[in-house]
Amino acid sequence: MTQLDELIARAREHKMTASERRLQRVSLIMGLRGHSSTLTRDKVEEILDETEGREAHAA
């Protein structure tokens, strides 16, 4: 098994944490926004906090 195969196998078995999922969600939203968007990462996190019923995310 090559080193690449081993890395792929490890990645397949990895269970994402809630924190990792949140970071990916923020990243996805930032990537989908238009070029002229003024939406900031902080605002995305604030909106996610509100929709998920969390207290404000610490900066």
PDB file of N, CA and C in Angstrom:
ATOM      1  N   MET A   1       0.850  -1.176   0.000  1.00  0.00           N
ATOM      2  CA  MET A   1       0.000   0.000   0.000  1.00  0.00           C
ATOM      3  C   MET A   1       0.899   1.243   0.000  1.00  0.00           C
ATOM      4  N   THR A   2       0.623   2.151  -0.902  1.00  0.00           N
ATOM      5  CA  THR A   2       1.430   3.368  -0.988  1.00  0.00           C
ATOM      6  C   THR A   2       1.027   4.348   0.109  1.00  0.00           C
ATOM      7  N   GLN A   3       1.855   5.339   0.281  1.00  0.00           N
ATOM      8  CA  GLN A   3       1.562   6.364   1.284  1.00  0.00           C
ATOM      9  C   GLN A   3       0.243   7.073   0.954  1.00  0.00           C
ATOM     10  N   LEU A   4       0.013   7.327  -0.326  1.00  0.00           N
ATOM     11  CA  LEU A   4      -1.235   7.968  -0.736  1.00  0.00           C
ATOM     12  C   LEU A   4      -2.430   7.085  -0.392  1.00  0.00           C
ATOM     13  N   ASP A   5      -2.326   5.799  -0.655  1.00  0.00           N
ATOM     14  CA  ASP A   5      -3.407   4.871  -0.322  1.00  0.00           C
ATOM     15  C   ASP A   5      -3.697   4.883   1.177  1.00  0.00           C
ATOM     16  N   GLU A   6      -2.646   4.954   1.974  1.00  0.00           N
ATOM     17  CA  GLU A   6      -2.818   4.993   3.427  1.00  0.00           C
ATOM     18  C   GLU A   6      -3.530   6.270   3.861  1.00  0.00           C
ATOM     19  N   LEU A   7      -3.157   7.387   3.260  1.00  0.00           N
ATOM     20  CA  LEU A   7      -3.812   8.656   3.590  1.00  0.00           C
ATOM     21  C   LEU A   7      -5.285   8.636   3.195  1.00  0.00           C
ATOM     22  N   ILE A   8      -5.573   8.076   2.041  1.00  0.00           N
ATOM     23  CA  ILE A   8      -6.958   7.979   1.583  1.00  0.00           C
ATOM     24  C   ILE A   8      -7.765   7.099   2.534  1.00  0.00           C
ATOM     25  N   ALA A   9      -7.195   5.991   2.946  1.00  0.00           N
ATOM     26  CA  ALA A   9      -7.881   5.088   3.872  1.00  0.00           C
ATOM     27  C   ALA A   9      -8.161   5.786   5.202  1.00  0.00           C
ATOM     28  N   ARG A  10      -7.184   6.536   5.697  1.00  0.00           N
ATOM     29  CA  ARG A  10      -7.391   7.273   6.956  1.00  0.00           C
ATOM     30  C   ARG A  10      -8.486   8.319   6.799  1.00  0.00           C
ATOM     31  N   ALA A  11      -8.496   9.005   5.667  1.00  0.00           N
ATOM     32  CA  ALA A  11      -9.504  10.042   5.426  1.00  0.00           C
ATOM     33  C   ALA A  11     -10.903   9.432   5.369  1.00  0.00           C
ATOM     34  N   ARG A  12     -11.021   8.261   4.777  1.00  0.00           N
ATOM     35  CA  ARG A  12     -12.327   7.589   4.687  1.00  0.00           C
ATOM     36  C   ARG A  12     -12.872   7.229   6.060  1.00  0.00           C
ATOM     37  N   GLU A  13     -11.988   6.900   6.972  1.00  0.00           N
ATOM     38  CA  GLU A  13     -12.402   6.460   8.302  1.00  0.00           C
ATOM     39  C   GLU A  13     -12.615   7.618   9.273  1.00  0.00           C
ATOM     40  N   HIS A  14     -12.157   8.806   8.910  1.00  0.00           N
ATOM     41  CA  HIS A  14     -12.243   9.955   9.808  1.00  0.00           C
ATOM     42  C   HIS A  14     -13.693  10.389  10.007  1.00  0.00           C
ATOM     43  N   LYS A  15     -14.090  10.547  11.241  1.00  0.00           N
ATOM     44  CA  LYS A  15     -15.415  11.069  11.575  1.00  0.00           C
ATOM     45  C   LYS A  15     -15.253  12.538  11.928  1.00  0.00           C
ATOM     46  N   MET A  16     -15.903  13.393  11.155  1.00  0.00           N
ATOM     47  CA  MET A  16     -15.777  14.828  11.397  1.00  0.00           C
ATOM     48  C   MET A  16     -16.416  15.210  12.728  1.00  0.00           C
ATOM     49  N   THR A  17     -15.747  16.108  13.426  1.00  0.00           N
ATOM     50  CA  THR A  17     -16.292  16.621  14.675  1.00  0.00           C
ATOM     51  C   THR A  17     -17.294  17.728  14.357  1.00  0.00           C
ATOM     52  N   ALA A  18     -18.064  18.112  15.351  1.00  0.00           N
ATOM     53  CA  ALA A  18     -19.020  19.210  15.175  1.00  0.00           C
ATOM     54  C   ALA A  18     -18.283  20.488  14.774  1.00  0.00           C
ATOM     55  N   SER A  19     -17.131  20.698  15.351  1.00  0.00           N
ATOM     56  CA  SER A  19     -16.335  21.883  15.034  1.00  0.00           C
ATOM     57  C   SER A  19     -15.865  21.864  13.578  1.00  0.00           C
ATOM     58  N   GLU A  20     -15.432  20.709  13.109  1.00  0.00           N
ATOM     59  CA  GLU A  20     -15.000  20.582  11.711  1.00  0.00           C
ATOM     60  C   GLU A  20     -16.166  20.804  10.751  1.00  0.00           C
ATOM     61  N   ARG A  21     -17.341  20.268  11.097  1.00  0.00           N
ATOM     62  CA  ARG A  21     -18.524  20.465  10.246  1.00  0.00           C
ATOM     63  C   ARG A  21     -18.899  21.938  10.182  1.00  0.00           C
ATOM     64  N   ARG A  22     -18.823  22.612  11.317  1.00  0.00           N
ATOM     65  CA  ARG A  22     -19.155  24.037  11.337  1.00  0.00           C
ATOM     66  C   ARG A  22     -18.174  24.829  10.472  1.00  0.00           C
ATOM     67  N   LEU A  23     -16.886  24.541  10.604  1.00  0.00           N
ATOM     68  CA  LEU A  23     -15.893  25.236   9.785  1.00  0.00           C
ATOM     69  C   LEU A  23     -16.145  24.997   8.298  1.00  0.00           C
ATOM     70  N   GLN A  24     -16.524  23.784   7.947  1.00  0.00           N
ATOM     71  CA  GLN A  24     -16.819  23.493   6.544  1.00  0.00           C
ATOM     72  C   GLN A  24     -18.079  24.217   6.084  1.00  0.00           C
ATOM     73  N   ARG A  25     -19.064  24.305   6.961  1.00  0.00           N
ATOM     74  CA  ARG A  25     -20.304  25.011   6.624  1.00  0.00           C
ATOM     75  C   ARG A  25     -20.010  26.489   6.356  1.00  0.00           C
ATOM     76  N   VAL A  26     -19.225  27.106   7.232  1.00  0.00           N
ATOM     77  CA  VAL A  26     -18.853  28.513   7.044  1.00  0.00           C
ATOM     78  C   VAL A  26     -18.074  28.675   5.742  1.00  0.00           C
ATOM     79  N   SER A  27     -17.141  27.779   5.493  1.00  0.00           N
ATOM     80  CA  SER A  27     -16.336  27.846   4.278  1.00  0.00           C
ATOM     81  C   SER A  27     -17.206  27.720   3.027  1.00  0.00           C
ATOM     82  N   LEU A  28     -18.176  26.816   3.063  1.00  0.00           N
ATOM     83  CA  LEU A  28     -19.079  26.639   1.926  1.00  0.00           C
ATOM     84  C   LEU A  28     -19.871  27.918   1.663  1.00  0.00           C
ATOM     85  N   ILE A  29     -20.421  28.491   2.714  1.00  0.00           N
ATOM     86  CA  ILE A  29     -21.205  29.718   2.556  1.00  0.00           C
ATOM     87  C   ILE A  29     -20.336  30.838   1.997  1.00  0.00           C
ATOM     88  N   MET A  30     -19.128  30.967   2.511  1.00  0.00           N
ATOM     89  CA  MET A  30     -18.229  32.012   2.016  1.00  0.00           C
ATOM     90  C   MET A  30     -17.895  31.785   0.544  1.00  0.00           C
ATOM     91  N   GLY A  31     -17.735  30.538   0.155  1.00  0.00           N
ATOM     92  CA  GLY A  31     -17.414  30.223  -1.230  1.00  0.00           C
ATOM     93  C   GLY A  31     -18.576  30.440  -2.186  1.00  0.00           C
ATOM     94  N   LEU A  32     -19.794  30.320  -1.685  1.00  0.00           N
ATOM     95  CA  LEU A  32     -20.974  30.465  -2.537  1.00  0.00           C
ATOM     96  C   LEU A  32     -21.431  31.909  -2.711  1.00  0.00           C
ATOM     97  N   ARG A  33     -20.932  32.790  -1.870  1.00  0.00           N
ATOM     98  CA  ARG A  33     -21.388  34.180  -1.965  1.00  0.00           C
ATOM     99  C   ARG A  33     -20.843  34.826  -3.236  1.00  0.00           C
ATOM    100  N   GLY A  34     -21.548  35.806  -3.722  1.00  0.00           N
ATOM    101  CA  GLY A  34     -21.143  36.487  -4.947  1.00  0.00           C
ATOM    102  C   GLY A  34     -19.937  37.387  -4.730  1.00  0.00           C
ATOM    103  N   HIS A  35     -19.306  37.770  -5.828  1.00  0.00           N
ATOM    104  CA  HIS A  35     -18.108  38.619  -5.753  1.00  0.00           C
ATOM    105  C   HIS A  35     -18.399  39.976  -5.125  1.00  0.00           C
ATOM    106  N   SER A  36     -19.605  40.467  -5.308  1.00  0.00           N
ATOM    107  CA  SER A  36     -19.939  41.788  -4.772  1.00  0.00           C
ATOM    108  C   SER A  36     -20.543  41.710  -3.369  1.00  0.00           C
ATOM    109  N   SER A  37     -20.594  40.523  -2.804  1.00  0.00           N
ATOM    110  CA  SER A  37     -21.179  40.339  -1.479  1.00  0.00           C
ATOM    111  C   SER A  37     -20.335  41.023  -0.405  1.00  0.00           C
ATOM    112  N   THR A  38     -21.022  41.604   0.555  1.00  0.00           N
ATOM    113  CA  THR A  38     -20.334  42.216   1.691  1.00  0.00           C
ATOM    114  C   THR A  38     -20.417  41.321   2.926  1.00  0.00           C
ATOM    115  N   LEU A  39     -20.915  40.115   2.742  1.00  0.00           N
ATOM    116  CA  LEU A  39     -21.055  39.161   3.835  1.00  0.00           C
ATOM    117  C   LEU A  39     -19.673  38.761   4.355  1.00  0.00           C
ATOM    118  N   THR A  40     -19.485  38.902   5.660  1.00  0.00           N
ATOM    119  CA  THR A  40     -18.196  38.558   6.267  1.00  0.00           C
ATOM    120  C   THR A  40     -18.289  37.211   6.971  1.00  0.00           C
ATOM    121  N   ARG A  41     -17.142  36.630   7.233  1.00  0.00           N
ATOM    122  CA  ARG A  41     -17.084  35.360   7.959  1.00  0.00           C
ATOM    123  C   ARG A  41     -17.729  35.518   9.342  1.00  0.00           C
ATOM    124  N   ASP A  42     -17.468  36.641   9.998  1.00  0.00           N
ATOM    125  CA  ASP A  42     -18.067  36.887  11.315  1.00  0.00           C
ATOM    126  C   ASP A  42     -19.594  36.920  11.230  1.00  0.00           C
ATOM    127  N   LYS A  43     -20.121  37.553  10.187  1.00  0.00           N
ATOM    128  CA  LYS A  43     -21.578  37.631  10.023  1.00  0.00           C
ATOM    129  C   LYS A  43     -22.156  36.245   9.746  1.00  0.00           C
ATOM    130  N   VAL A  44     -21.467  35.450   8.943  1.00  0.00           N
ATOM    131  CA  VAL A  44     -21.920  34.077   8.673  1.00  0.00           C
ATOM    132  C   VAL A  44     -21.991  33.300   9.979  1.00  0.00           C
ATOM    133  N   GLU A  45     -20.957  33.407  10.803  1.00  0.00           N
ATOM    134  CA  GLU A  45     -20.945  32.696  12.080  1.00  0.00           C
ATOM    135  C   GLU A  45     -22.060  33.195  12.990  1.00  0.00           C
ATOM    136  N   GLU A  46     -22.305  34.498  12.979  1.00  0.00           N
ATOM    137  CA  GLU A  46     -23.385  35.070  13.786  1.00  0.00           C
ATOM    138  C   GLU A  46     -24.744  34.518  13.339  1.00  0.00           C
ATOM    139  N   ILE A  47     -24.961  34.465  12.042  1.00  0.00           N
ATOM    140  CA  ILE A  47     -26.224  33.945  11.507  1.00  0.00           C
ATOM    141  C   ILE A  47     -26.378  32.463  11.848  1.00  0.00           C
ATOM    142  N   LEU A  48     -25.303  31.699  11.707  1.00  0.00           N
ATOM    143  CA  LEU A  48     -25.359  30.280  12.068  1.00  0.00           C
ATOM    144  C   LEU A  48     -25.672  30.111  13.550  1.00  0.00           C
ATOM    145  N   ASP A  49     -25.058  30.938  14.385  1.00  0.00           N
ATOM    146  CA  ASP A  49     -25.347  30.880  15.822  1.00  0.00           C
ATOM    147  C   ASP A  49     -26.833  31.095  16.079  1.00  0.00           C
ATOM    148  N   GLU A  50     -27.399  32.089  15.410  1.00  0.00           N
ATOM    149  CA  GLU A  50     -28.816  32.401  15.604  1.00  0.00           C
ATOM    150  C   GLU A  50     -29.708  31.264  15.117  1.00  0.00           C
ATOM    151  N   THR A  51     -29.409  30.721  13.947  1.00  0.00           N
ATOM    152  CA  THR A  51     -30.267  29.672  13.386  1.00  0.00           C
ATOM    153  C   THR A  51     -30.106  28.344  14.107  1.00  0.00           C
ATOM    154  N   GLU A  52     -28.945  28.140  14.726  1.00  0.00           N
ATOM    155  CA  GLU A  52     -28.702  26.892  15.451  1.00  0.00           C
ATOM    156  C   GLU A  52     -29.038  27.018  16.932  1.00  0.00           C
ATOM    157  N   GLY A  53     -29.498  28.208  17.341  1.00  0.00           N
ATOM    158  CA  GLY A  53     -29.879  28.412  18.733  1.00  0.00           C
ATOM    159  C   GLY A  53     -28.705  28.452  19.688  1.00  0.00           C
ATOM    160  N   ARG A  54     -27.570  28.886  19.198  1.00  0.00           N
ATOM    161  CA  ARG A  54     -26.377  28.980  20.049  1.00  0.00           C
ATOM    162  C   ARG A  54     -26.186  30.408  20.515  1.00  0.00           C
ATOM    163  N   GLU A  55     -25.391  30.538  21.572  1.00  0.00           N
ATOM    164  CA  GLU A  55     -24.973  31.878  21.974  1.00  0.00           C
ATOM    165  C   GLU A  55     -23.929  32.343  20.972  1.00  0.00           C
ATOM    166  N   ALA A  56     -23.686  33.634  20.945  1.00  0.00           N
ATOM    167  CA  ALA A  56     -22.740  34.206  19.984  1.00  0.00           C
ATOM    168  C   ALA A  56     -21.414  33.466  20.027  1.00  0.00           C
ATOM    169  N   HIS A  57     -20.897  33.175  18.850  1.00  0.00           N
ATOM    170  CA  HIS A  57     -19.620  32.478  18.688  1.00  0.00           C
ATOM    171  C   HIS A  57     -18.490  33.404  19.113  1.00  0.00           C
ATOM    172  N   ALA A  58     -17.592  32.912  19.943  1.00  0.00           N
ATOM    173  CA  ALA A  58     -16.462  33.738  20.393  1.00  0.00           C
ATOM    174  C   ALA A  58     -15.539  34.029  19.227  1.00  0.00           C
ATOM    175  N   ALA A  59     -15.144  35.272  19.100  1.00  0.00           N
ATOM    176  CA  ALA A  59     -14.269  35.675  17.988  1.00  0.00           C
ATOM    177  C   ALA A  59     -12.836  35.333  18.261  1.00  0.00           C
TER     178      ALA A  59
END
